[in-house]
Amino acid sequence: MISGIVKDAHATVNVQFRLPNLPDFTIEFVIDTGFTDYLCLPPEAVVLLGLPLLYEHLQI
C-alpha cells in the first residue's frame, strides 16, 4: 500500500530509491490522475538511476 499526503492542494507521495553503493534518496511526486505511462524525474535522479533521458523540460 502506498500512502501520501495532501500538500499545497496536491496529493503527493514520497518514493525512496536504493542503489548499490550509493546513499538512499527520496523524491516527492505529485499524483497525476491523468497518468500517461511516463514518470517525470529530476535530471540528477535520471543520471543516478542510469535511465535514458527521453525529454528534458526547460524551466523559464
C-alpha atoms as a PDB file:
ATOM      1  CA  MET A   1       0.000   0.000   0.000  1.00  0.00           C
ATOM      2  CA  ILE A   2       1.260   3.457  -0.892  1.00  0.00           C
ATOM      3  CA  SER A   3       0.303   6.353   1.341  1.00  0.00           C
ATOM      4  CA  GLY A   4       0.889  10.038   0.866  1.00  0.00           C
ATOM      5  CA  ILE A   5      -0.257  13.444   1.982  1.00  0.00           C
ATOM      6  CA  VAL A   6      -2.006  16.474   0.540  1.00  0.00           C
ATOM      7  CA  LYS A   7       0.415  19.381   0.275  1.00  0.00           C
ATOM      8  CA  ASP A   8      -0.467  22.756  -1.247  1.00  0.00           C
ATOM      9  CA  ALA A   9      -3.741  21.256  -2.554  1.00  0.00           C
ATOM     10  CA  HIS A  10      -1.875  18.447  -4.381  1.00  0.00           C
ATOM     11  CA  ALA A  11      -1.813  14.761  -3.484  1.00  0.00           C
ATOM     12  CA  THR A  12       1.828  13.767  -3.013  1.00  0.00           C
ATOM     13  CA  VAL A  13       3.746  10.589  -2.306  1.00  0.00           C
ATOM     14  CA  ASN A  14       7.410  10.112  -1.387  1.00  0.00           C
ATOM     15  CA  VAL A  15       9.315   7.366  -3.194  1.00  0.00           C
ATOM     16  CA  GLN A  16      12.608   6.145  -1.775  1.00  0.00           C
ATOM     17  CA  PHE A  17      15.269   4.920  -4.183  1.00  0.00           C
ATOM     18  CA  ARG A  18      18.016   2.476  -3.195  1.00  0.00           C
ATOM     19  CA  LEU A  19      21.009   1.997  -5.445  1.00  0.00           C
ATOM     20  CA  PRO A  20      24.024  -0.233  -4.899  1.00  0.00           C
ATOM     21  CA  ASN A  21      26.967   1.565  -3.274  1.00  0.00           C
ATOM     22  CA  LEU A  22      25.091   4.881  -3.085  1.00  0.00           C
ATOM     23  CA  PRO A  23      23.114   6.550  -0.303  1.00  0.00           C
ATOM     24  CA  ASP A  24      19.332   6.211  -0.452  1.00  0.00           C
ATOM     25  CA  PHE A  25      17.440   9.235  -1.741  1.00  0.00           C
ATOM     26  CA  THR A  26      13.777  10.212  -1.733  1.00  0.00           C
ATOM     27  CA  ILE A  27      11.813  12.132  -4.363  1.00  0.00           C
ATOM     28  CA  GLU A  28       8.410  13.656  -3.671  1.00  0.00           C
ATOM     29  CA  PHE A  29       5.922  13.097  -6.511  1.00  0.00           C
ATOM     30  CA  VAL A  30       2.607  14.811  -7.190  1.00  0.00           C
ATOM     31  CA  ILE A  31      -0.072  12.248  -8.040  1.00  0.00           C
ATOM     32  CA  ASP A  32      -1.384  12.836 -11.567  1.00  0.00           C
ATOM     33  CA  THR A  33      -4.854  11.414 -12.160  1.00  0.00           C
ATOM     34  CA  GLY A  34      -4.246  11.674 -15.917  1.00  0.00           C
ATOM     35  CA  PHE A  35      -1.193   9.383 -15.744  1.00  0.00           C
ATOM     36  CA  THR A  36       0.118   8.529 -19.226  1.00  0.00           C
ATOM     37  CA  ASP A  37       2.742   5.837 -18.532  1.00  0.00           C
ATOM     38  CA  TYR A  38       5.643   8.262 -18.030  1.00  0.00           C
ATOM     39  CA  LEU A  39       7.321   9.273 -14.798  1.00  0.00           C
ATOM     40  CA  CYS A  40       8.954  12.675 -14.506  1.00  0.00           C
ATOM     41  CA  LEU A  41      12.210  12.667 -12.578  1.00  0.00           C
ATOM     42  CA  PRO A  42      14.763  15.365 -11.853  1.00  0.00           C
ATOM     43  CA  PRO A  43      17.792  15.096 -14.194  1.00  0.00           C
ATOM     44  CA  GLU A  44      20.029  14.147 -11.250  1.00  0.00           C
ATOM     45  CA  ALA A  45      17.817  11.133 -10.474  1.00  0.00           C
ATOM     46  CA  VAL A  46      17.836  10.052 -14.132  1.00  0.00           C
ATOM     47  CA  VAL A  47      21.642  10.064 -14.105  1.00  0.00           C
ATOM     48  CA  LEU A  48      21.885   8.228 -10.747  1.00  0.00           C
ATOM     49  CA  LEU A  49      19.442   5.547 -11.890  1.00  0.00           C
ATOM     50  CA  GLY A  50      21.191   5.147 -15.259  1.00  0.00           C
ATOM     51  CA  LEU A  51      17.957   5.757 -17.162  1.00  0.00           C
ATOM     52  CA  PRO A  52      17.668   7.078 -20.713  1.00  0.00           C
ATOM     53  CA  LEU A  53      16.647  10.724 -20.923  1.00  0.00           C
ATOM     54  CA  LEU A  54      13.542  10.821 -23.121  1.00  0.00           C
ATOM     55  CA  TYR A  55      12.737  14.506 -22.816  1.00  0.00           C
ATOM     56  CA  GLU A  56      14.233  17.422 -20.929  1.00  0.00           C
ATOM     57  CA  HIS A  57      11.878  20.164 -19.791  1.00  0.00           C
ATOM     58  CA  LEU A  58      13.495  23.562 -19.673  1.00  0.00           C
ATOM     59  CA  GLN A  59      12.175  25.860 -16.965  1.00  0.00           C
ATOM     60  CA  ILE A  60      11.790  29.505 -17.906  1.00  0.00           C
END
